Amino acid sequence: MLENKPVRHPVTGKMFEPYRLWNTLIASALNSQEMDILNNTGKSIKARIYQAEKWQDILAIPCFAAIINPSKLTKYMIETIFTLCLDQDDDMIILLTEDPCIKIPREAKNKITVDKNVFLDIQDLKLKLLKHKTKVAHICNTNRLYDKKIFRILSILKKLKTEKYLLTADLAGEFNVSMKTICRDIDLLRNIGEGIDYNHKKKAYYLNKSILWD
């Protein structure tokens, strides 16, 4: 499960809660009534609202969605947002409350849409944002699991290089996974060419030859 835990600021040393891709919604150039609606909607779907002070915040702050009034932005600003939105690999979507001064690129239409009535149907807005928030959270959680798996596999390989024998139970306990998971990790390393053997007397794995480490 994804958690937005406070972290310590590297400069000030103070604890703060960073904005995350999976739970942050950016608002840009909206009026006070629209912000009230968005703040209430954000609370109902457990999303943090970041009100952009500069147009660059739209691209600098990680978020799952941005709601923008493009009439307050210049052509250059909108062109830059469209271009960088296409270049980013994340699943951020942009909802425009008005028609922009330039045409939305065809390849961006799955990420950038115009909805002039976005604040008229609050329930529809809530469901739309919640659906996309859930999708992005799932992607982030999957990526996080992959990151943990990669870290665990590389750590096992490092241990095999520095230690003579490794017991499956010890590795499972250290990484808080099942012994079957450790066995699958070992098999994966073997499949990519790592010379990992098993000593039946010691009931432990050892590294005979490494192609990644040597």
Protein backbone atom coordinates (compact mmCIF):
# COMPACT_ATOMS: atom_id res chain seq x y z
CA MET A 1 0.00 0.00 0.00
CA LEU A 2 1.24 3.47 -0.91
CA GLU A 3 1.79 5.88 1.98
CA ASN A 4 2.66 9.55 1.92
CA LYS A 5 5.01 9.55 4.88
CA PRO A 6 6.69 12.79 6.03
CA VAL A 7 10.35 13.18 5.11
CA ARG A 8 13.09 15.47 6.38
CA HIS A 9 13.97 18.48 4.25
CA PRO A 10 17.66 18.19 3.21
CA VAL A 11 18.29 21.93 3.74
CA THR A 12 16.04 23.06 6.60
CA GLY A 13 15.96 19.74 8.41
CA LYS A 14 12.22 20.12 9.01
CA MET A 15 9.74 17.30 8.43
CA PHE A 16 7.28 17.82 5.59
CA GLU A 17 4.82 15.79 3.52
CA PRO A 18 5.95 15.72 -0.12
CA TYR A 19 3.55 15.80 -3.06
CA ARG A 20 3.27 12.42 -4.73
CA LEU A 21 2.21 11.44 -8.25
CA TRP A 22 -0.56 9.13 -7.02
CA ASN A 23 -2.40 11.52 -4.67
CA THR A 24 -1.77 15.08 -5.90
CA LEU A 25 -4.09 17.21 -8.02
CA ILE A 26 -2.87 20.52 -9.46
CA ALA A 27 -5.10 23.54 -9.99
CA SER A 28 -4.02 26.46 -12.16
CA ALA A 29 -5.75 29.82 -12.76
CA LEU A 30 -9.11 28.71 -11.28
CA ASN A 31 -11.47 31.15 -9.57
CA SER A 32 -12.41 30.95 -5.88
CA GLN A 33 -15.69 29.10 -6.52
CA GLU A 34 -13.96 26.50 -8.66
CA MET A 35 -11.26 26.09 -6.03
CA ASP A 36 -13.90 25.50 -3.34
CA ILE A 37 -15.45 22.75 -5.45
CA LEU A 38 -12.06 21.22 -6.18
CA ASN A 39 -10.96 21.32 -2.53
CA ASN A 40 -14.15 19.54 -1.44
CA THR A 41 -13.77 16.99 -4.23
CA GLY A 42 -10.14 16.43 -3.27
CA LYS A 43 -11.09 15.71 0.33
CA SER A 44 -13.73 13.20 -0.76
CA ILE A 45 -11.23 11.18 -2.84
CA LYS A 46 -8.29 11.72 -0.45
CA ALA A 47 -6.28 13.79 -2.92
CA ARG A 48 -4.01 16.71 -2.07
CA ILE A 49 -4.68 19.92 -3.96
CA TYR A 50 -1.71 21.98 -5.07
CA GLN A 51 -2.63 25.45 -6.31
CA ALA A 52 0.01 26.41 -8.86
CA GLU A 53 1.64 29.76 -8.17
CA LYS A 54 3.53 29.64 -11.46
CA TRP A 55 2.64 27.83 -14.67
CA GLN A 56 5.88 25.82 -14.38
CA ASP A 57 4.43 24.13 -11.28
CA ILE A 58 2.11 22.17 -13.57
CA LEU A 59 5.11 20.23 -14.84
CA ALA A 60 7.39 20.46 -11.81
CA ILE A 61 5.00 19.06 -9.17
CA PRO A 62 4.19 15.32 -9.52
CA CYS A 63 0.45 14.77 -9.91
CA PHE A 64 -2.11 12.39 -11.36
CA ALA A 65 -4.19 15.22 -12.86
CA ALA A 66 -4.16 18.96 -13.47
CA ILE A 67 -7.18 21.22 -13.98
CA ILE A 68 -6.20 24.39 -15.83
CA ASN A 69 -7.88 27.51 -17.12
CA PRO A 70 -5.81 28.10 -20.28
CA SER A 71 -7.20 31.60 -20.85
CA LYS A 72 -4.78 32.86 -18.21
CA LEU A 73 -1.77 31.35 -19.98
CA THR A 74 0.21 32.58 -22.97
CA LYS A 75 0.66 30.64 -26.19
CA TYR A 76 4.26 29.86 -25.23
CA MET A 77 3.19 28.51 -21.82
CA ILE A 78 0.53 26.27 -23.35
CA GLU A 79 2.86 25.00 -26.07
CA THR A 80 5.47 24.13 -23.46
CA ILE A 81 2.93 22.32 -21.25
CA PHE A 82 1.62 20.31 -24.22
CA THR A 83 5.13 19.38 -25.39
CA LEU A 84 6.46 18.34 -22.00
CA CYS A 85 3.24 16.51 -21.15
CA LEU A 86 3.83 14.32 -24.22
CA ASP A 87 7.48 13.78 -23.29
CA GLN A 88 6.65 12.56 -19.78
CA ASP A 89 6.16 8.82 -19.25
CA ASP A 90 3.76 9.17 -16.33
CA ASP A 91 -0.03 8.91 -16.61
CA MET A 92 -0.87 12.49 -15.70
CA ILE A 93 -3.98 13.90 -17.38
CA ILE A 94 -4.85 17.56 -17.99
CA LEU A 95 -8.39 18.92 -17.94
CA LEU A 96 -8.80 22.34 -19.58
CA THR A 97 -11.78 24.45 -18.54
CA GLU A 98 -11.66 26.46 -21.78
CA ASP A 99 -10.47 25.98 -25.35
CA PRO A 100 -6.73 26.71 -25.53
CA CYS A 101 -5.36 29.27 -27.96
CA ILE A 102 -3.60 26.49 -29.89
CA LYS A 103 -4.79 23.12 -31.12
CA ILE A 104 -4.26 20.11 -28.88
CA PRO A 105 -1.84 17.71 -30.64
CA ARG A 106 -3.57 14.59 -31.88
CA GLU A 107 -1.17 12.35 -30.00
CA ALA A 108 -1.99 14.16 -26.74
CA LYS A 109 -5.76 13.80 -26.86
CA ASN A 110 -5.72 10.80 -24.53
CA LYS A 111 -3.94 12.95 -21.91
CA ILE A 112 -5.32 16.45 -22.57
CA THR A 113 -9.04 17.19 -22.86
CA VAL A 114 -11.30 20.25 -22.83
CA ASP A 115 -14.33 20.17 -20.51
CA LYS A 116 -16.04 23.56 -20.15
CA ASN A 117 -18.63 22.03 -17.83
CA VAL A 118 -16.16 20.26 -15.57
CA PHE A 119 -17.43 22.06 -12.43
CA LEU A 120 -21.15 21.79 -13.25
CA ASP A 121 -21.47 18.06 -12.51
CA ILE A 122 -19.53 17.60 -9.27
CA GLN A 123 -20.34 13.91 -8.99
CA ASP A 124 -19.04 13.24 -12.50
CA LEU A 125 -15.87 15.21 -11.69
CA LYS A 126 -15.38 13.20 -8.52
CA LEU A 127 -15.79 9.86 -10.30
CA LYS A 128 -13.51 10.91 -13.16
CA LEU A 129 -10.72 12.01 -10.82
CA LEU A 130 -11.13 9.03 -8.50
CA LYS A 131 -10.93 6.60 -11.43
CA HIS A 132 -7.71 8.12 -12.69
CA LYS A 133 -6.23 8.46 -9.20
CA THR A 134 -6.87 4.75 -8.62
CA LYS A 135 -5.24 3.87 -11.96
CA VAL A 136 -2.11 5.92 -11.25
CA ALA A 137 -1.88 4.58 -7.68
CA HIS A 138 -1.99 1.02 -9.04
CA ILE A 139 0.80 1.81 -11.53
CA CYS A 140 2.93 3.44 -8.82
CA ASN A 141 2.37 0.52 -6.47
CA THR A 142 3.33 -1.98 -9.18
CA ASN A 143 6.47 0.00 -9.99
CA ARG A 144 7.32 0.12 -6.28
CA LEU A 145 7.04 -3.67 -6.03
CA TYR A 146 9.31 -4.07 -9.06
CA ASP A 147 11.84 -1.70 -7.47
CA LYS A 148 11.82 -3.76 -4.29
CA LYS A 149 12.28 -6.96 -6.27
CA ILE A 150 15.22 -5.54 -8.23
CA PHE A 151 16.83 -4.31 -5.02
CA ARG A 152 16.34 -7.71 -3.36
CA ILE A 153 17.78 -9.67 -6.30
CA LEU A 154 20.85 -7.44 -6.58
CA SER A 155 21.34 -7.64 -2.81
CA ILE A 156 21.22 -11.44 -2.96
CA LEU A 157 23.82 -11.43 -5.72
CA LYS A 158 26.05 -9.11 -3.67
CA LYS A 159 25.72 -11.38 -0.64
CA LEU A 160 26.58 -14.42 -2.75
CA LYS A 161 29.69 -12.62 -3.90
CA THR A 162 30.85 -11.60 -0.40
CA GLU A 163 29.63 -14.56 1.68
CA LYS A 164 30.52 -18.21 1.13
CA TYR A 165 27.10 -19.81 1.71
CA LEU A 166 23.58 -18.43 2.02
CA LEU A 167 20.62 -20.21 3.60
CA THR A 168 17.20 -19.70 2.00
CA ALA A 169 15.54 -19.20 5.38
CA ASP A 170 18.05 -16.49 6.35
CA LEU A 171 17.44 -14.59 3.11
CA ALA A 172 13.68 -14.89 3.49
CA GLY A 173 13.87 -13.51 6.99
CA GLU A 174 16.15 -10.63 6.02
CA PHE A 175 13.95 -9.46 3.12
CA ASN A 176 10.65 -10.37 4.78
CA VAL A 177 9.47 -12.63 1.96
CA SER A 178 8.72 -16.34 1.65
CA MET A 179 11.39 -18.95 0.94
CA LYS A 180 9.60 -19.68 -2.35
CA THR A 181 10.16 -16.05 -3.36
CA ILE A 182 13.88 -16.38 -2.61
CA CYS A 183 14.02 -19.57 -4.70
CA ARG A 184 12.35 -17.74 -7.60
CA ASP A 185 14.88 -14.93 -7.25
CA ILE A 186 17.74 -17.44 -7.38
CA ASP A 187 16.19 -19.10 -10.46
CA LEU A 188 15.94 -15.69 -12.15
CA LEU A 189 19.62 -15.01 -11.50
CA ARG A 190 20.46 -18.44 -12.86
CA ASN A 191 18.38 -17.83 -15.99
CA ILE A 192 20.39 -14.72 -16.86
CA GLY A 193 23.63 -16.68 -16.53
CA GLU A 194 24.71 -16.43 -12.90
CA GLY A 195 26.58 -19.55 -11.78
CA ILE A 196 24.71 -20.21 -8.53
CA ASP A 197 24.99 -23.74 -7.16
CA TYR A 198 23.44 -25.51 -4.18
CA ASN A 199 25.38 -27.39 -1.51
CA HIS A 200 23.13 -30.21 -0.32
CA LYS A 201 25.19 -30.94 2.79
CA LYS A 202 25.09 -27.34 4.00
CA LYS A 203 21.63 -26.78 2.43
CA ALA A 204 22.83 -23.43 1.19
CA TYR A 205 23.46 -21.56 -2.07
CA TYR A 206 26.89 -20.38 -3.19
CA LEU A 207 28.23 -18.45 -6.16
CA ASN A 208 30.43 -20.45 -8.49
CA LYS A 209 30.80 -17.81 -11.24
CA SER A 210 29.19 -14.41 -11.88
CA ILE A 211 28.72 -12.65 -15.22
CA LEU A 212 27.16 -9.53 -13.72
CA TRP A 213 29.51 -8.99 -10.80
CA ASP A 214 32.91 -9.93 -12.21
